[in-house]
Amino acid sequence: MADECMEEEFSMPAKPKPQRDPLLELVSLQKASGCWELEPELAKTLSQTSQDLQDKRPSMANKEVWATIVALVWLHGLKADAKDEWELLVMKAATWLRSQNAAGLSECVEAANALLGCSVQKDALGL
């Protein structure tokens, strides 16, 4: 009898994992330095495929610069209503980007806008 109960317990379908807020996911993916890394979790959080995120990266942009700009465009373009929640996060990311002296930031912003369907200006990102 005890065996039957155990079998039933293990055959029950697993409860679906509750969906996390994409904004909270993005916050958790930011590195201490202020950047984001180009990783599958970032793509999933932004409702993109890893392949699209890789393919749309301008050739002159390093992975962290590209990932950080995509995250910033996503926040400004699709989560503007939560600006109070992410404002400091964005300031830290913009400071990190400026410290990189990276070339092609305008091209990255344009490519990120095209990828996400946004129209965020580079100046709005604090760059």
Protein backbone atom coordinates (compact mmCIF):
# COMPACT_ATOMS: atom_id res chain seq x y z
CA MET A 1 0.00 0.00 0.00
CA ALA A 2 2.80 2.40 0.86
CA ASP A 3 4.46 1.58 -2.46
CA GLU A 4 1.30 2.54 -4.34
CA CYS A 5 1.23 5.96 -2.68
CA MET A 6 4.83 6.59 -3.54
CA GLU A 7 4.28 5.62 -7.18
CA GLU A 8 1.38 8.04 -7.43
CA GLU A 9 3.44 10.79 -5.84
CA PHE A 10 6.22 10.42 -8.42
CA SER A 11 3.86 10.14 -11.38
CA MET A 12 2.20 13.49 -10.72
CA PRO A 13 3.10 16.15 -13.26
CA ALA A 14 5.60 18.72 -12.11
CA LYS A 15 4.19 22.13 -11.32
CA PRO A 16 5.17 24.69 -13.91
CA LYS A 17 7.81 27.13 -12.81
CA PRO A 18 6.31 30.54 -12.11
CA GLN A 19 7.26 33.15 -14.69
CA ARG A 20 9.72 35.72 -13.40
CA ASP A 21 9.39 39.34 -14.32
CA PRO A 22 11.76 40.03 -17.25
CA LEU A 23 12.86 43.27 -15.57
CA LEU A 24 13.91 41.39 -12.44
CA GLU A 25 15.66 38.80 -14.61
CA LEU A 26 17.59 41.54 -16.39
CA VAL A 27 18.57 43.12 -13.08
CA SER A 28 19.88 39.78 -11.83
CA LEU A 29 21.99 39.33 -14.97
CA GLN A 30 23.86 42.64 -14.65
CA LYS A 31 27.45 42.15 -13.53
CA ALA A 32 28.96 44.08 -10.61
CA SER A 33 30.96 46.18 -13.09
CA GLY A 34 27.73 47.44 -14.67
CA CYS A 35 27.82 45.43 -17.90
CA TRP A 36 25.80 42.50 -19.17
CA GLU A 37 27.34 39.48 -20.86
CA LEU A 38 26.15 37.99 -24.13
CA GLU A 39 24.62 34.79 -22.81
CA PRO A 40 21.52 32.66 -23.48
CA GLU A 41 19.81 33.92 -20.31
CA LEU A 42 20.02 37.50 -21.57
CA ALA A 43 18.52 36.53 -24.93
CA LYS A 44 15.68 34.67 -23.21
CA THR A 45 14.98 37.59 -20.87
CA LEU A 46 14.77 39.96 -23.84
CA SER A 47 12.50 37.53 -25.76
CA GLN A 48 15.17 36.95 -28.40
CA THR A 49 17.09 33.93 -29.57
CA SER A 50 20.78 33.63 -28.75
CA GLN A 51 21.43 33.32 -32.48
CA ASP A 52 19.64 36.60 -33.27
CA LEU A 53 21.50 38.37 -30.50
CA GLN A 54 24.81 37.07 -31.89
CA ASP A 55 23.96 37.70 -35.54
CA LYS A 56 22.85 41.31 -35.06
CA ARG A 57 26.00 42.31 -33.16
CA PRO A 58 27.97 44.88 -35.15
CA SER A 59 31.37 43.44 -36.08
CA MET A 60 33.35 46.14 -34.27
CA ALA A 61 31.51 45.69 -30.96
CA ASN A 62 32.80 43.37 -28.27
CA LYS A 63 30.25 41.03 -26.70
CA GLU A 64 29.86 42.85 -23.38
CA VAL A 65 29.45 46.28 -25.00
CA TRP A 66 26.82 44.87 -27.38
CA ALA A 67 24.94 43.01 -24.62
CA THR A 68 24.96 46.10 -22.41
CA ILE A 69 23.63 48.37 -25.15
CA VAL A 70 20.89 45.87 -26.03
CA ALA A 71 19.88 45.74 -22.35
CA LEU A 72 19.82 49.55 -22.14
CA VAL A 73 17.76 49.91 -25.31
CA TRP A 74 15.33 47.28 -23.99
CA LEU A 75 14.93 49.15 -20.70
CA HIS A 76 14.46 52.55 -22.33
CA GLY A 77 12.31 51.29 -25.18
CA LEU A 78 10.14 48.65 -23.55
CA LYS A 79 10.25 49.30 -19.81
CA ALA A 80 10.10 53.10 -19.67
CA ASP A 81 7.14 52.86 -17.29
CA ALA A 82 9.44 51.28 -14.67
CA LYS A 83 12.19 53.91 -14.97
CA ASP A 84 12.23 54.55 -11.21
CA GLU A 85 13.15 50.91 -10.71
CA TRP A 86 16.01 50.74 -13.22
CA GLU A 87 17.42 54.26 -13.31
CA LEU A 88 20.46 53.54 -11.09
CA LEU A 89 21.12 50.29 -12.94
CA VAL A 90 21.29 52.25 -16.21
CA MET A 91 23.60 54.87 -14.74
CA LYS A 92 26.02 52.14 -13.68
CA ALA A 93 25.88 50.53 -17.13
CA ALA A 94 26.42 53.87 -18.91
CA THR A 95 29.42 54.59 -16.68
CA TRP A 96 30.86 51.18 -17.56
CA LEU A 97 30.27 51.77 -21.29
CA ARG A 98 31.97 55.18 -21.19
CA SER A 99 34.98 53.63 -19.42
CA GLN A 100 35.39 51.14 -22.28
CA ASN A 101 36.07 53.88 -24.86
CA ALA A 102 34.40 51.54 -27.33
CA ALA A 103 34.12 52.46 -30.98
CA GLY A 104 30.84 52.07 -32.83
CA LEU A 105 28.40 52.82 -30.02
CA SER A 106 26.02 54.56 -32.43
CA GLU A 107 26.00 51.50 -34.69
CA CYS A 108 25.31 49.29 -31.68
CA VAL A 109 22.37 51.47 -30.62
CA GLU A 110 20.96 51.37 -34.17
CA ALA A 111 21.36 47.59 -34.36
CA ALA A 112 19.79 47.11 -30.90
CA ASN A 113 16.84 49.28 -31.92
CA ALA A 114 16.36 47.20 -35.07
CA LEU A 115 16.60 43.95 -33.10
CA LEU A 116 14.10 45.01 -30.44
CA GLY A 117 11.79 47.15 -32.58
CA CYS A 118 12.57 50.30 -30.59
CA SER A 119 13.65 53.83 -31.48
CA VAL A 120 15.83 54.86 -28.54
CA GLN A 121 18.39 57.60 -29.21
CA LYS A 122 22.00 57.17 -28.12
CA ASP A 123 21.79 60.35 -26.01
CA ALA A 124 18.89 58.88 -24.01
CA LEU A 125 21.22 56.11 -22.86
CA GLY A 126 23.59 58.57 -21.21
CA LEU A 127 26.40 57.89 -23.69
